[in-house]
Amino acid sequence: MAGFPLSNDNTRVRPSFVLSHPLVASAVFGVTKSWQLQEVINACSVELTPEIIADINEVHAKFPNPCP
C-alpha cells in the first residue's frame, strides 16, 4: 500500500471505486450540504489506477467484513 496517494482523503476514492465495479450500474451517496454534493461530484472524476484498485482489494482481503 505504499503507493496509495489518496489514503488521507478516501472520500475522493469511494465514488470512483464503487462505480468502477462491473456489477454496479449506479450509486447513491447521501449528502446534506451543497459542499458535500460538490465533493461527490468531483470525486466521480477521480481515475483509479490498477495499482490503487489492487491496494484497495488488498485491504478488503484483510478486512472483508469491517462492520459485523
C-alpha atoms as a PDB file:
ATOM      1  CA  MET A   1       0.000   0.000   0.000  1.00  0.00           C
ATOM      2  CA  ALA A   2       2.980   2.272  -0.230  1.00  0.00           C
ATOM      3  CA  GLY A   3       1.813   3.811  -3.487  1.00  0.00           C
ATOM      4  CA  PHE A   4      -1.670   4.769  -2.348  1.00  0.00           C
ATOM      5  CA  PRO A   5      -1.786   8.562  -2.852  1.00  0.00           C
ATOM      6  CA  LEU A   6      -5.275   9.247  -1.511  1.00  0.00           C
ATOM      7  CA  SER A   7      -5.042   7.436   1.822  1.00  0.00           C
ATOM      8  CA  ASN A   8      -5.589  10.657   3.779  1.00  0.00           C
ATOM      9  CA  ASP A   9      -8.648  11.625   1.734  1.00  0.00           C
ATOM     10  CA  ASN A  10     -10.506   8.425   0.976  1.00  0.00           C
ATOM     11  CA  THR A  11     -13.795  10.254   0.353  1.00  0.00           C
ATOM     12  CA  ARG A  12     -12.330  11.096  -3.057  1.00  0.00           C
ATOM     13  CA  VAL A  13     -11.798   7.404  -3.769  1.00  0.00           C
ATOM     14  CA  ARG A  14     -15.142   5.958  -2.719  1.00  0.00           C
ATOM     15  CA  PRO A  15     -17.375   7.060  -5.607  1.00  0.00           C
ATOM     16  CA  SER A  16     -14.834   6.085  -8.247  1.00  0.00           C
ATOM     17  CA  PHE A  17     -14.198   2.706  -6.631  1.00  0.00           C
ATOM     18  CA  VAL A  18     -17.895   1.895  -6.299  1.00  0.00           C
ATOM     19  CA  LEU A  19     -18.657   2.990  -9.859  1.00  0.00           C
ATOM     20  CA  SER A  20     -15.682   1.058 -11.264  1.00  0.00           C
ATOM     21  CA  HIS A  21     -17.169  -2.278 -10.203  1.00  0.00           C
ATOM     22  CA  PRO A  22     -18.571  -4.078 -13.266  1.00  0.00           C
ATOM     23  CA  LEU A  23     -21.786  -5.113 -11.478  1.00  0.00           C
ATOM     24  CA  VAL A  24     -22.661  -1.603 -10.277  1.00  0.00           C
ATOM     25  CA  ALA A  25     -24.919   0.404 -12.569  1.00  0.00           C
ATOM     26  CA  SER A  26     -25.418   3.383 -10.257  1.00  0.00           C
ATOM     27  CA  ALA A  27     -24.628   4.575  -6.752  1.00  0.00           C
ATOM     28  CA  VAL A  28     -26.461   6.734  -4.250  1.00  0.00           C
ATOM     29  CA  PHE A  29     -24.462   8.985  -1.947  1.00  0.00           C
ATOM     30  CA  GLY A  30     -26.216  10.776   0.892  1.00  0.00           C
ATOM     31  CA  VAL A  31     -25.392  14.435   1.373  1.00  0.00           C
ATOM     32  CA  THR A  32     -26.993  17.161   3.432  1.00  0.00           C
ATOM     33  CA  LYS A  33     -24.924  20.144   2.361  1.00  0.00           C
ATOM     34  CA  SER A  34     -24.168  21.536  -1.071  1.00  0.00           C
ATOM     35  CA  TRP A  35     -20.392  21.341  -0.476  1.00  0.00           C
ATOM     36  CA  GLN A  36     -20.757  17.597   0.214  1.00  0.00           C
ATOM     37  CA  LEU A  37     -22.552  17.156  -3.099  1.00  0.00           C
ATOM     38  CA  GLN A  38     -19.776  19.045  -4.858  1.00  0.00           C
ATOM     39  CA  GLU A  39     -17.175  16.752  -3.247  1.00  0.00           C
ATOM     40  CA  VAL A  40     -19.011  13.660  -4.505  1.00  0.00           C
ATOM     41  CA  ILE A  41     -19.351  15.121  -7.996  1.00  0.00           C
ATOM     42  CA  ASN A  42     -15.645  15.983  -8.082  1.00  0.00           C
ATOM     43  CA  ALA A  43     -14.729  12.556  -6.732  1.00  0.00           C
ATOM     44  CA  CYS A  44     -16.565  10.791  -9.547  1.00  0.00           C
ATOM     45  CA  SER A  45     -13.913  12.022 -11.951  1.00  0.00           C
ATOM     46  CA  VAL A  46     -11.019  10.511  -9.991  1.00  0.00           C
ATOM     47  CA  GLU A  47      -9.394   7.818 -12.102  1.00  0.00           C
ATOM     48  CA  LEU A  48      -8.174   4.828 -10.160  1.00  0.00           C
ATOM     49  CA  THR A  49      -5.101   3.102 -11.493  1.00  0.00           C
ATOM     50  CA  PRO A  50      -4.844  -0.690 -11.400  1.00  0.00           C
ATOM     51  CA  GLU A  51      -2.303  -0.261  -8.596  1.00  0.00           C
ATOM     52  CA  ILE A  52      -4.741   1.718  -6.442  1.00  0.00           C
ATOM     53  CA  ILE A  53      -7.505  -0.815  -7.052  1.00  0.00           C
ATOM     54  CA  ALA A  54      -5.071  -3.606  -6.104  1.00  0.00           C
ATOM     55  CA  ASP A  55      -4.237  -1.729  -2.878  1.00  0.00           C
ATOM     56  CA  ILE A  56      -7.929  -1.373  -2.038  1.00  0.00           C
ATOM     57  CA  ASN A  57      -8.537  -5.053  -2.769  1.00  0.00           C
ATOM     58  CA  GLU A  58      -5.588  -5.969  -0.529  1.00  0.00           C
ATOM     59  CA  VAL A  59      -7.163  -4.100   2.387  1.00  0.00           C
ATOM     60  CA  HIS A  60     -10.544  -5.676   1.638  1.00  0.00           C
ATOM     61  CA  ALA A  61      -8.972  -9.142   1.689  1.00  0.00           C
ATOM     62  CA  LYS A  62      -7.631  -8.433   5.189  1.00  0.00           C
ATOM     63  CA  PHE A  63     -10.898  -6.930   6.445  1.00  0.00           C
ATOM     64  CA  PRO A  64     -13.718  -8.471   4.375  1.00  0.00           C
ATOM     65  CA  ASN A  65     -16.416  -7.538   6.898  1.00  0.00           C
ATOM     66  CA  PRO A  66     -15.201  -4.484   8.851  1.00  0.00           C
ATOM     67  CA  CYS A  67     -18.626  -3.788  10.383  1.00  0.00           C
ATOM     68  CA  PRO A  68     -20.045  -7.127  11.542  1.00  0.00           C
END
